Amino acid sequence: MASKIIPDDLITTINDFKSSSNGQMINIHGKEYATVAHRVAVLRRNLGAKLSITTEVVSIDENNVVVKATGSISGVVIATGHAEENRKASRINTTSALENAETSAVGRMAAFLGVTNDNIASAEEVSLAIEQQDKKLQAAMKELKAVSHAGSYQQWLTNYKTFLADLKSKNPIGYQGFMEQFTSIKNQLKSKGVLQ
């Protein structure tokens, strides 16, 4: 038999989230966003086995994945969240669109439960959106791929030093994605003999 939901359980969880978020938020363009991992950790810490998080694939094809997450407390559905990912939207999505959609759906469901700092989107979602829209980042990657010798590589580093420092401090998740691409391209340049 499922235990009854105690109205204060969710309120206590929300208050715990707000009081424990110091140092757990990611600043992206001056706004604070919670990661999905932090939201789920607070939910589990406060609600334990009373909370059930289920996910289902709503649709999936060669281009897009849609996932629905449902949050139930003591058997009662309290909130849902949906997310869609496009496999061509980012390098990570080419192999992990389903996982990213599931994470985003869970983050949105948690936010609809009230475990949010007034931003429904998670840090991961906002970071991905910024990365996709950032023309300068795409231009930087295109220029890096065109490097033909060590001197042009050094010039590329000089040209993008400030931009990359800003990206690292203002959008750490976007920077991490960039570094994965950067490392791959740099390794390609090394294998071609452009860099040592």
N, C-alpha and C. Protein backbone atom coordinates (compact mmCIF):
# COMPACT_ATOMS: atom_id res chain seq x y z
N MET A 1 0.84 -1.18 0.00
CA MET A 1 0.00 0.00 0.00
C MET A 1 0.89 1.24 0.00
N ALA A 2 0.60 2.16 -0.89
CA ALA A 2 1.39 3.39 -0.99
C ALA A 2 1.09 4.29 0.20
N SER A 3 2.14 4.92 0.73
CA SER A 3 1.92 5.84 1.84
C SER A 3 1.28 7.11 1.30
N LYS A 4 0.56 7.77 2.17
CA LYS A 4 -0.11 9.00 1.75
C LYS A 4 0.90 10.11 1.57
N ILE A 5 0.59 10.96 0.62
CA ILE A 5 1.47 12.11 0.40
C ILE A 5 1.23 13.12 1.52
N ILE A 6 2.29 13.55 2.10
CA ILE A 6 2.20 14.57 3.13
C ILE A 6 2.45 15.90 2.44
N PRO A 7 1.48 16.83 2.47
CA PRO A 7 1.63 18.08 1.71
C PRO A 7 2.95 18.80 1.98
N ASP A 8 3.45 18.70 3.19
CA ASP A 8 4.68 19.41 3.52
C ASP A 8 5.92 18.77 2.90
N ASP A 9 5.82 17.49 2.46
CA ASP A 9 6.98 16.83 1.86
C ASP A 9 7.53 17.62 0.68
N LEU A 10 6.66 18.02 -0.22
CA LEU A 10 7.11 18.74 -1.40
C LEU A 10 7.58 20.14 -1.04
N ILE A 11 6.89 20.77 -0.11
CA ILE A 11 7.30 22.11 0.32
C ILE A 11 8.68 22.05 0.98
N THR A 12 8.90 21.05 1.81
CA THR A 12 10.20 20.86 2.45
C THR A 12 11.28 20.63 1.40
N THR A 13 10.95 19.85 0.38
CA THR A 13 11.90 19.56 -0.70
C THR A 13 12.26 20.84 -1.45
N ILE A 14 11.26 21.63 -1.78
CA ILE A 14 11.49 22.90 -2.50
C ILE A 14 12.36 23.83 -1.66
N ASN A 15 12.05 23.93 -0.37
CA ASN A 15 12.84 24.80 0.51
C ASN A 15 14.27 24.30 0.64
N ASP A 16 14.45 22.97 0.70
CA ASP A 16 15.79 22.39 0.76
C ASP A 16 16.56 22.73 -0.51
N PHE A 17 15.91 22.61 -1.64
CA PHE A 17 16.56 22.94 -2.91
C PHE A 17 17.04 24.39 -2.90
N LYS A 18 16.17 25.29 -2.50
CA LYS A 18 16.53 26.72 -2.51
C LYS A 18 17.66 27.02 -1.53
N SER A 19 17.68 26.34 -0.38
CA SER A 19 18.73 26.61 0.61
C SER A 19 20.03 25.88 0.30
N SER A 20 19.97 24.81 -0.48
CA SER A 20 21.19 24.03 -0.75
C SER A 20 21.79 24.31 -2.12
N SER A 21 21.25 25.28 -2.81
CA SER A 21 21.71 25.54 -4.18
C SER A 21 22.98 26.36 -4.25
N ASN A 22 23.41 26.94 -3.14
CA ASN A 22 24.63 27.73 -3.15
C ASN A 22 25.81 26.87 -3.58
N GLY A 23 26.46 27.27 -4.65
CA GLY A 23 27.59 26.52 -5.17
C GLY A 23 27.19 25.40 -6.10
N GLN A 24 25.91 25.15 -6.24
CA GLN A 24 25.42 24.07 -7.10
C GLN A 24 24.86 24.60 -8.41
N MET A 25 24.82 25.90 -8.57
CA MET A 25 24.24 26.50 -9.76
C MET A 25 25.34 26.83 -10.77
N ILE A 26 24.93 26.91 -12.03
CA ILE A 26 25.86 27.29 -13.08
C ILE A 26 25.38 28.62 -13.66
N ASN A 27 26.28 29.58 -13.70
CA ASN A 27 25.96 30.90 -14.23
C ASN A 27 26.16 30.89 -15.73
N ILE A 28 25.10 31.18 -16.45
CA ILE A 28 25.15 31.27 -17.90
C ILE A 28 24.58 32.62 -18.30
N HIS A 29 25.43 33.48 -18.83
CA HIS A 29 25.05 34.83 -19.25
C HIS A 29 24.32 35.58 -18.13
N GLY A 30 24.83 35.48 -16.91
CA GLY A 30 24.31 36.26 -15.80
C GLY A 30 23.11 35.66 -15.11
N LYS A 31 22.62 34.52 -15.54
CA LYS A 31 21.49 33.86 -14.87
C LYS A 31 21.97 32.55 -14.26
N GLU A 32 21.41 32.20 -13.12
CA GLU A 32 21.78 30.98 -12.43
C GLU A 32 20.83 29.85 -12.85
N TYR A 33 21.42 28.71 -13.21
CA TYR A 33 20.64 27.54 -13.60
C TYR A 33 21.09 26.34 -12.79
N ALA A 34 20.13 25.50 -12.44
CA ALA A 34 20.42 24.28 -11.70
C ALA A 34 20.66 23.14 -12.69
N THR A 35 21.57 22.26 -12.33
CA THR A 35 21.76 21.07 -13.15
C THR A 35 20.66 20.07 -12.79
N VAL A 36 20.40 19.17 -13.70
CA VAL A 36 19.41 18.12 -13.45
C VAL A 36 19.88 17.23 -12.29
N ALA A 37 21.16 16.95 -12.25
CA ALA A 37 21.70 16.10 -11.18
C ALA A 37 21.41 16.68 -9.80
N HIS A 38 21.57 18.00 -9.65
CA HIS A 38 21.30 18.62 -8.35
C HIS A 38 19.80 18.55 -8.02
N ARG A 39 18.95 18.81 -9.02
CA ARG A 39 17.50 18.74 -8.78
C ARG A 39 17.10 17.34 -8.32
N VAL A 40 17.59 16.31 -9.01
CA VAL A 40 17.23 14.93 -8.66
C VAL A 40 17.81 14.56 -7.29
N ALA A 41 19.02 15.00 -6.98
CA ALA A 41 19.63 14.69 -5.68
C ALA A 41 18.78 15.25 -4.54
N VAL A 42 18.30 16.47 -4.69
CA VAL A 42 17.47 17.07 -3.64
C VAL A 42 16.14 16.33 -3.53
N LEU A 43 15.55 15.98 -4.65
CA LEU A 43 14.30 15.22 -4.62
C LEU A 43 14.48 13.89 -3.89
N ARG A 44 15.54 13.17 -4.23
CA ARG A 44 15.79 11.87 -3.60
C ARG A 44 16.10 12.01 -2.11
N ARG A 45 16.89 13.03 -1.77
CA ARG A 45 17.26 13.24 -0.37
C ARG A 45 16.02 13.47 0.49
N ASN A 46 15.04 14.18 -0.05
CA ASN A 46 13.86 14.53 0.72
C ASN A 46 12.71 13.54 0.59
N LEU A 47 12.54 12.96 -0.57
CA LEU A 47 11.37 12.12 -0.81
C LEU A 47 11.70 10.63 -0.86
N GLY A 48 12.96 10.29 -1.07
CA GLY A 48 13.37 8.90 -1.09
C GLY A 48 12.51 8.04 -2.00
N ALA A 49 12.05 6.90 -1.46
CA ALA A 49 11.27 5.95 -2.25
C ALA A 49 9.84 6.43 -2.52
N LYS A 50 9.39 7.48 -1.85
CA LYS A 50 8.06 8.03 -2.15
C LYS A 50 8.01 8.57 -3.57
N LEU A 51 9.17 9.01 -4.07
CA LEU A 51 9.24 9.60 -5.41
C LEU A 51 9.53 8.54 -6.45
N SER A 52 8.71 8.52 -7.47
CA SER A 52 8.95 7.66 -8.62
C SER A 52 9.16 8.55 -9.84
N ILE A 53 10.28 8.36 -10.51
CA ILE A 53 10.56 9.08 -11.75
C ILE A 53 10.56 8.04 -12.87
N THR A 54 9.65 8.19 -13.81
CA THR A 54 9.62 7.28 -14.95
C THR A 54 9.77 8.09 -16.23
N THR A 55 10.40 7.46 -17.20
CA THR A 55 10.56 8.12 -18.49
C THR A 55 10.05 7.19 -19.58
N GLU A 56 9.56 7.79 -20.65
CA GLU A 56 9.13 7.00 -21.80
C GLU A 56 9.48 7.75 -23.08
N VAL A 57 9.85 6.99 -24.08
CA VAL A 57 10.13 7.58 -25.39
C VAL A 57 8.77 7.79 -26.07
N VAL A 58 8.46 9.04 -26.35
CA VAL A 58 7.20 9.39 -27.01
C VAL A 58 7.31 9.15 -28.50
N SER A 59 8.44 9.56 -29.06
CA SER A 59 8.70 9.29 -30.48
C SER A 59 10.20 9.29 -30.71
N ILE A 60 10.59 8.52 -31.72
CA ILE A 60 12.01 8.44 -32.07
C ILE A 60 12.10 8.10 -33.55
N ASP A 61 12.97 8.80 -34.24
CA ASP A 61 13.26 8.47 -35.64
C ASP A 61 14.72 8.81 -35.91
N GLU A 62 15.11 8.81 -37.15
CA GLU A 62 16.53 9.04 -37.47
C GLU A 62 16.99 10.45 -37.14
N ASN A 63 16.06 11.40 -36.96
CA ASN A 63 16.44 12.78 -36.70
C ASN A 63 16.15 13.26 -35.28
N ASN A 64 15.00 12.88 -34.73
CA ASN A 64 14.54 13.44 -33.46
C ASN A 64 14.14 12.38 -32.46
N VAL A 65 14.25 12.77 -31.19
CA VAL A 65 13.82 11.94 -30.07
C VAL A 65 12.99 12.82 -29.15
N VAL A 66 11.82 12.33 -28.74
CA VAL A 66 10.99 13.04 -27.76
C VAL A 66 10.79 12.10 -26.58
N VAL A 67 11.06 12.61 -25.38
CA VAL A 67 10.95 11.82 -24.16
C VAL A 67 10.03 12.55 -23.19
N LYS A 68 9.24 11.78 -22.47
CA LYS A 68 8.37 12.30 -21.41
C LYS A 68 8.84 11.74 -20.08
N ALA A 69 8.96 12.59 -19.09
CA ALA A 69 9.30 12.16 -17.73
C ALA A 69 8.10 12.45 -16.83
N THR A 70 7.80 11.49 -15.96
CA THR A 70 6.68 11.64 -15.03
C THR A 70 7.20 11.52 -13.61
N GLY A 71 6.79 12.45 -12.76
CA GLY A 71 7.16 12.41 -11.35
C GLY A 71 5.93 12.14 -10.52
N SER A 72 5.96 11.03 -9.77
CA SER A 72 4.84 10.65 -8.90
C SER A 72 5.35 10.59 -7.47
N ILE A 73 4.51 11.05 -6.56
CA ILE A 73 4.84 10.95 -5.14
C ILE A 73 3.77 10.08 -4.51
N SER A 74 4.22 9.00 -3.89
CA SER A 74 3.32 8.03 -3.26
C SER A 74 2.23 7.58 -4.22
N GLY A 75 2.60 7.37 -5.47
CA GLY A 75 1.67 6.85 -6.46
C GLY A 75 0.80 7.87 -7.15
N VAL A 76 0.92 9.13 -6.79
CA VAL A 76 0.11 10.19 -7.39
C VAL A 76 0.99 11.00 -8.34
N VAL A 77 0.56 11.09 -9.62
CA VAL A 77 1.32 11.88 -10.58
C VAL A 77 1.22 13.35 -10.19
N ILE A 78 2.38 13.97 -10.02
CA ILE A 78 2.44 15.37 -9.61
C ILE A 78 2.87 16.26 -10.77
N ALA A 79 3.78 15.78 -11.61
CA ALA A 79 4.28 16.63 -12.70
C ALA A 79 4.83 15.76 -13.83
N THR A 80 4.83 16.34 -15.02
CA THR A 80 5.47 15.72 -16.18
C THR A 80 6.35 16.76 -16.85
N GLY A 81 7.27 16.27 -17.65
CA GLY A 81 8.12 17.15 -18.45
C GLY A 81 8.45 16.45 -19.75
N HIS A 82 8.50 17.21 -20.83
CA HIS A 82 8.84 16.67 -22.14
C HIS A 82 10.10 17.35 -22.65
N ALA A 83 10.83 16.64 -23.49
CA ALA A 83 12.01 17.23 -24.14
C ALA A 83 12.19 16.58 -25.50
N GLU A 84 12.68 17.39 -26.43
CA GLU A 84 12.98 16.90 -27.77
C GLU A 84 14.43 17.23 -28.09
N GLU A 85 15.11 16.28 -28.69
CA GLU A 85 16.49 16.49 -29.13
C GLU A 85 16.60 16.10 -30.59
N ASN A 86 17.40 16.86 -31.31
CA ASN A 86 17.68 16.57 -32.71
C ASN A 86 19.09 15.99 -32.78
N ARG A 87 19.24 14.90 -33.48
CA ARG A 87 20.54 14.22 -33.56
C ARG A 87 21.60 15.07 -34.24
N LYS A 88 21.20 16.02 -35.07
CA LYS A 88 22.16 16.86 -35.79
C LYS A 88 22.44 18.17 -35.07
N ALA A 89 21.83 18.39 -33.92
CA ALA A 89 21.96 19.66 -33.21
C ALA A 89 23.35 19.88 -32.63
N SER A 90 24.04 18.80 -32.27
CA SER A 90 25.37 18.94 -31.69
C SER A 90 26.13 17.63 -31.88
N ARG A 91 27.41 17.71 -31.68
CA ARG A 91 28.25 16.51 -31.79
C ARG A 91 27.82 15.45 -30.77
N ILE A 92 27.52 15.89 -29.58
CA ILE A 92 27.11 14.96 -28.52
C ILE A 92 25.80 14.27 -28.91
N ASN A 93 24.88 15.03 -29.50
CA ASN A 93 23.59 14.45 -29.86
C ASN A 93 23.68 13.40 -30.97
N THR A 94 24.75 13.41 -31.74
CA THR A 94 24.86 12.39 -32.79
C THR A 94 24.87 10.99 -32.20
N THR A 95 25.39 10.85 -30.99
CA THR A 95 25.42 9.54 -30.33
C THR A 95 24.53 9.46 -29.10
N SER A 96 24.14 10.60 -28.55
CA SER A 96 23.45 10.58 -27.25
C SER A 96 22.18 11.43 -27.20
N ALA A 97 21.48 11.55 -28.30
CA ALA A 97 20.24 12.35 -28.32
C ALA A 97 19.20 11.80 -27.36
N LEU A 98 19.06 10.49 -27.30
CA LEU A 98 18.08 9.89 -26.40
C LEU A 98 18.40 10.21 -24.94
N GLU A 99 19.67 10.04 -24.57
CA GLU A 99 20.08 10.32 -23.20
C GLU A 99 19.88 11.79 -22.84
N ASN A 100 20.22 12.68 -23.76
CA ASN A 100 20.06 14.11 -23.51
C ASN A 100 18.59 14.49 -23.39
N ALA A 101 17.74 13.89 -24.23
CA ALA A 101 16.30 14.16 -24.14
C ALA A 101 15.75 13.66 -22.81
N GLU A 102 16.19 12.49 -22.38
CA GLU A 102 15.72 11.95 -21.11
C GLU A 102 16.14 12.86 -19.95
N THR A 103 17.40 13.28 -19.94
CA THR A 103 17.89 14.16 -18.88
C THR A 103 17.11 15.47 -18.86
N SER A 104 16.90 16.05 -20.03
CA SER A 104 16.15 17.32 -20.10
C SER A 104 14.71 17.14 -19.64
N ALA A 105 14.07 16.04 -20.03
CA ALA A 105 12.69 15.79 -19.61
C ALA A 105 12.60 15.65 -18.09
N VAL A 106 13.55 14.93 -17.49
CA VAL A 106 13.56 14.78 -16.03
C VAL A 106 13.79 16.15 -15.37
N GLY A 107 14.70 16.94 -15.91
CA GLY A 107 14.94 18.27 -15.36
C GLY A 107 13.71 19.16 -15.43
N ARG A 108 12.99 19.11 -16.53
CA ARG A 108 11.76 19.90 -16.68
C ARG A 108 10.68 19.42 -15.73
N MET A 109 10.55 18.10 -15.58
CA MET A 109 9.58 17.55 -14.64
C MET A 109 9.91 18.01 -13.22
N ALA A 110 11.18 17.96 -12.85
CA ALA A 110 11.59 18.40 -11.51
C ALA A 110 11.26 19.88 -11.31
N ALA A 111 11.48 20.67 -12.35
CA ALA A 111 11.16 22.10 -12.25
C ALA A 111 9.66 22.30 -12.08
N PHE A 112 8.86 21.51 -12.78
CA PHE A 112 7.40 21.62 -12.64
C PHE A 112 6.93 21.12 -11.28
N LEU A 113 7.73 20.28 -10.62
CA LEU A 113 7.44 19.90 -9.23
C LEU A 113 7.69 21.08 -8.29
N GLY A 114 8.44 22.06 -8.76
CA GLY A 114 8.77 23.22 -7.95
C GLY A 114 10.22 23.28 -7.55
N VAL A 115 11.00 22.27 -7.94
CA VAL A 115 12.42 22.23 -7.61
C VAL A 115 13.15 23.04 -8.68
N THR A 116 13.07 24.35 -8.51
CA THR A 116 13.63 25.28 -9.48
C THR A 116 13.95 26.60 -8.81
N ASN A 117 14.82 27.33 -9.42
CA ASN A 117 15.14 28.68 -8.95
C ASN A 117 14.49 29.69 -9.89
N ASP A 118 13.28 29.41 -10.32
CA ASP A 118 12.50 30.25 -11.23
C ASP A 118 12.90 30.09 -12.68
N ASN A 119 13.74 29.12 -13.01
CA ASN A 119 14.10 28.81 -14.39
C ASN A 119 13.71 27.37 -14.67
N ILE A 120 12.75 27.18 -15.56
CA ILE A 120 12.31 25.83 -15.90
C ILE A 120 13.44 25.09 -16.60
N ALA A 121 14.11 25.77 -17.51
CA ALA A 121 15.19 25.12 -18.25
C ALA A 121 16.33 24.77 -17.30
N SER A 122 16.98 23.66 -17.59
CA SER A 122 18.15 23.26 -16.81
C SER A 122 19.39 23.92 -17.39
N ALA A 123 20.46 23.86 -16.63
CA ALA A 123 21.73 24.41 -17.11
C ALA A 123 22.14 23.73 -18.41
N GLU A 124 21.92 22.42 -18.49
CA GLU A 124 22.29 21.68 -19.69
C GLU A 124 21.51 22.17 -20.91
N GLU A 125 20.19 22.39 -20.74
CA GLU A 125 19.36 22.83 -21.87
C GLU A 125 19.78 24.21 -22.36
N VAL A 126 19.97 25.13 -21.42
CA VAL A 126 20.35 26.49 -21.80
C VAL A 126 21.71 26.50 -22.47
N SER A 127 22.63 25.74 -21.92
CA SER A 127 23.97 25.68 -22.49
C SER A 127 23.93 25.17 -23.92
N LEU A 128 23.14 24.12 -24.15
CA LEU A 128 23.05 23.57 -25.50
C LEU A 128 22.43 24.58 -26.46
N ALA A 129 21.40 25.28 -26.01
CA ALA A 129 20.77 26.28 -26.86
C ALA A 129 21.74 27.40 -27.22
N ILE A 130 22.51 27.84 -26.24
CA ILE A 130 23.49 28.90 -26.50
C ILE A 130 24.56 28.41 -27.46
N GLU A 131 25.02 27.18 -27.25
CA GLU A 131 26.06 26.62 -28.12
C GLU A 131 25.57 26.54 -29.56
N GLN A 132 24.33 26.13 -29.75
CA GLN A 132 23.78 26.00 -31.09
C GLN A 132 23.62 27.35 -31.77
N GLN A 133 23.33 28.38 -31.00
CA GLN A 133 23.08 29.71 -31.56
C GLN A 133 24.35 30.52 -31.73
N ASP A 134 25.41 30.09 -31.12
CA ASP A 134 26.61 30.90 -31.08
C ASP A 134 27.41 30.79 -32.39
N LYS A 135 27.22 31.77 -33.24
CA LYS A 135 27.89 31.77 -34.55
C LYS A 135 29.40 31.88 -34.41
N LYS A 136 29.87 32.60 -33.40
CA LYS A 136 31.31 32.77 -33.23
C LYS A 136 31.99 31.44 -32.91
N LEU A 137 31.33 30.63 -32.12
CA LEU A 137 31.89 29.32 -31.79
C LEU A 137 32.00 28.47 -33.05
N GLN A 138 30.98 28.50 -33.87
CA GLN A 138 31.01 27.73 -35.12
C GLN A 138 32.11 28.26 -36.05
N ALA A 139 32.25 29.56 -36.10
CA ALA A 139 33.31 30.16 -36.93
C ALA A 139 34.69 29.75 -36.42
N ALA A 140 34.84 29.72 -35.10
CA ALA A 140 36.12 29.32 -34.51
C ALA A 140 36.47 27.88 -34.90
N MET A 141 35.49 27.01 -34.86
CA MET A 141 35.74 25.61 -35.21
C MET A 141 36.09 25.49 -36.70
N LYS A 142 35.40 26.24 -37.53
CA LYS A 142 35.67 26.20 -38.97
C LYS A 142 37.10 26.68 -39.26
N GLU A 143 37.49 27.78 -38.59
CA GLU A 143 38.84 28.30 -38.78
C GLU A 143 39.90 27.32 -38.27
N LEU A 144 39.61 26.66 -37.16
CA LEU A 144 40.57 25.69 -36.61
C LEU A 144 40.78 24.53 -37.59
N LYS A 145 39.68 24.08 -38.18
CA LYS A 145 39.79 22.98 -39.15
C LYS A 145 40.63 23.38 -40.36
N ALA A 146 40.67 24.68 -40.66
CA ALA A 146 41.40 25.16 -41.84
C ALA A 146 42.88 25.45 -41.56
N VAL A 147 43.32 25.29 -40.32
CA VAL A 147 44.71 25.55 -39.96
C VAL A 147 45.62 24.67 -40.83
N SER A 148 46.67 25.32 -41.42
CA SER A 148 47.53 24.57 -42.33
C SER A 148 48.98 24.45 -41.86
N HIS A 149 49.33 25.19 -40.81
CA HIS A 149 50.69 25.10 -40.26
C HIS A 149 50.70 25.62 -38.83
N ALA A 150 51.80 25.40 -38.13
CA ALA A 150 51.91 25.77 -36.71
C ALA A 150 51.68 27.26 -36.49
N GLY A 151 52.15 28.09 -37.41
CA GLY A 151 51.97 29.54 -37.27
C GLY A 151 50.50 29.95 -37.32
N SER A 152 49.74 29.34 -38.22
CA SER A 152 48.31 29.68 -38.29
C SER A 152 47.55 29.13 -37.08
N TYR A 153 48.04 28.03 -36.51
CA TYR A 153 47.45 27.50 -35.28
C TYR A 153 47.68 28.48 -34.12
N GLN A 154 48.91 28.99 -34.00
CA GLN A 154 49.21 29.97 -32.95
C GLN A 154 48.38 31.24 -33.13
N GLN A 155 48.19 31.67 -34.39
CA GLN A 155 47.36 32.84 -34.66
C GLN A 155 45.92 32.57 -34.25
N TRP A 156 45.43 31.36 -34.51
CA TRP A 156 44.07 30.98 -34.12
C TRP A 156 43.94 31.08 -32.60
N LEU A 157 44.93 30.54 -31.86
CA LEU A 157 44.89 30.61 -30.40
C LEU A 157 44.85 32.06 -29.92
N THR A 158 45.66 32.92 -30.54
CA THR A 158 45.68 34.34 -30.17
C THR A 158 44.33 34.99 -30.45
N ASN A 159 43.78 34.73 -31.62
CA ASN A 159 42.50 35.33 -32.01
C ASN A 159 41.35 34.96 -31.09
N TYR A 160 41.35 33.73 -30.58
CA TYR A 160 40.21 33.24 -29.81
C TYR A 160 40.47 33.11 -28.31
N LYS A 161 41.63 33.58 -27.85
CA LYS A 161 41.98 33.44 -26.43
C LYS A 161 40.94 34.08 -25.51
N THR A 162 40.58 35.33 -25.77
CA THR A 162 39.62 36.04 -24.92
C THR A 162 38.24 35.42 -25.02
N PHE A 163 37.82 35.09 -26.23
CA PHE A 163 36.52 34.47 -26.44
C PHE A 163 36.41 33.15 -25.66
N LEU A 164 37.45 32.34 -25.73
CA LEU A 164 37.42 31.05 -25.04
C LEU A 164 37.46 31.21 -23.53
N ALA A 165 38.17 32.20 -23.05
CA ALA A 165 38.19 32.47 -21.60
C ALA A 165 36.80 32.87 -21.12
N ASP A 166 36.11 33.71 -21.91
CA ASP A 166 34.74 34.12 -21.57
C ASP A 166 33.80 32.91 -21.60
N LEU A 167 33.95 32.09 -22.63
CA LEU A 167 33.11 30.90 -22.75
C LEU A 167 33.30 29.99 -21.54
N LYS A 168 34.53 29.81 -21.12
CA LYS A 168 34.84 28.93 -19.98
C LYS A 168 34.20 29.45 -18.70
N SER A 169 34.24 30.76 -18.48
CA SER A 169 33.70 31.31 -17.23
C SER A 169 32.19 31.49 -17.26
N LYS A 170 31.62 31.82 -18.42
CA LYS A 170 30.19 32.11 -18.48
C LYS A 170 29.33 30.91 -18.88
N ASN A 171 29.93 29.93 -19.53
CA ASN A 171 29.16 28.78 -20.00
C ASN A 171 30.03 27.52 -19.92
N PRO A 172 30.28 27.03 -18.70
CA PRO A 172 31.20 25.91 -18.55
C PRO A 172 30.76 24.63 -19.27
N ILE A 173 29.47 24.40 -19.39
CA ILE A 173 29.02 23.21 -20.10
C ILE A 173 29.28 23.37 -21.59
N GLY A 174 29.02 24.56 -22.13
CA GLY A 174 29.33 24.83 -23.54
C GLY A 174 30.82 24.72 -23.80
N TYR A 175 31.62 25.20 -22.85
CA TYR A 175 33.08 25.12 -22.98
C TYR A 175 33.54 23.67 -23.02
N GLN A 176 32.94 22.84 -22.18
CA GLN A 176 33.29 21.42 -22.16
C GLN A 176 33.00 20.79 -23.52
N GLY A 177 31.84 21.11 -24.11
CA GLY A 177 31.51 20.61 -25.45
C GLY A 177 32.49 21.11 -26.48
N PHE A 178 32.86 22.38 -26.36
CA PHE A 178 33.85 22.95 -27.29
C PHE A 178 35.18 22.21 -27.17
N MET A 179 35.62 21.95 -25.94
CA MET A 179 36.91 21.29 -25.73
C MET A 179 36.93 19.89 -26.35
N GLU A 180 35.80 19.20 -26.33
CA GLU A 180 35.74 17.89 -26.97
C GLU A 180 35.99 18.03 -28.47
N GLN A 181 35.34 19.01 -29.09
CA GLN A 181 35.53 19.24 -30.53
C GLN A 181 36.95 19.71 -30.81
N PHE A 182 37.44 20.63 -29.97
CA PHE A 182 38.79 21.17 -30.14
C PHE A 182 39.83 20.04 -30.10
N THR A 183 39.71 19.15 -29.12
CA THR A 183 40.66 18.05 -28.97
C THR A 183 40.62 17.14 -30.20
N SER A 184 39.43 16.86 -30.69
CA SER A 184 39.29 16.02 -31.88
C SER A 184 39.97 16.66 -33.09
N ILE A 185 39.71 17.94 -33.30
CA ILE A 185 40.30 18.64 -34.45
C ILE A 185 41.82 18.74 -34.29
N LYS A 186 42.27 19.04 -33.08
CA LYS A 186 43.71 19.14 -32.84
C LYS A 186 44.40 17.80 -33.13
N ASN A 187 43.77 16.70 -32.73
CA ASN A 187 44.33 15.37 -33.01
C ASN A 187 44.37 15.10 -34.52
N GLN A 188 43.36 15.56 -35.23
CA GLN A 188 43.36 15.41 -36.70
C GLN A 188 44.51 16.20 -37.32
N LEU A 189 44.73 17.41 -36.81
CA LEU A 189 45.83 18.24 -37.32
C LEU A 189 47.18 17.58 -37.04
N LYS A 190 47.29 16.96 -35.87
CA LYS A 190 48.54 16.24 -35.54
C LYS A 190 48.74 15.05 -36.48
N SER A 191 47.66 14.31 -36.74
CA SER A 191 47.80 13.14 -37.61
C SER A 191 48.14 13.53 -39.04
N LYS A 192 47.79 14.75 -39.45
CA LYS A 192 48.12 15.24 -40.79
C LYS A 192 49.51 15.85 -40.84
N GLY A 193 50.16 15.98 -39.68
CA GLY A 193 51.49 16.56 -39.61
C GLY A 193 51.50 18.08 -39.54
N VAL A 194 50.34 18.68 -39.40
CA VAL A 194 50.24 20.15 -39.29
C VAL A 194 50.79 20.61 -37.94
N LEU A 195 50.50 19.84 -36.90
CA LEU A 195 50.99 20.15 -35.54
C LEU A 195 51.81 18.98 -35.03
N GLN A 196 52.68 19.29 -34.07
CA GLN A 196 53.51 18.22 -33.49
C GLN A 196 52.96 17.79 -32.17
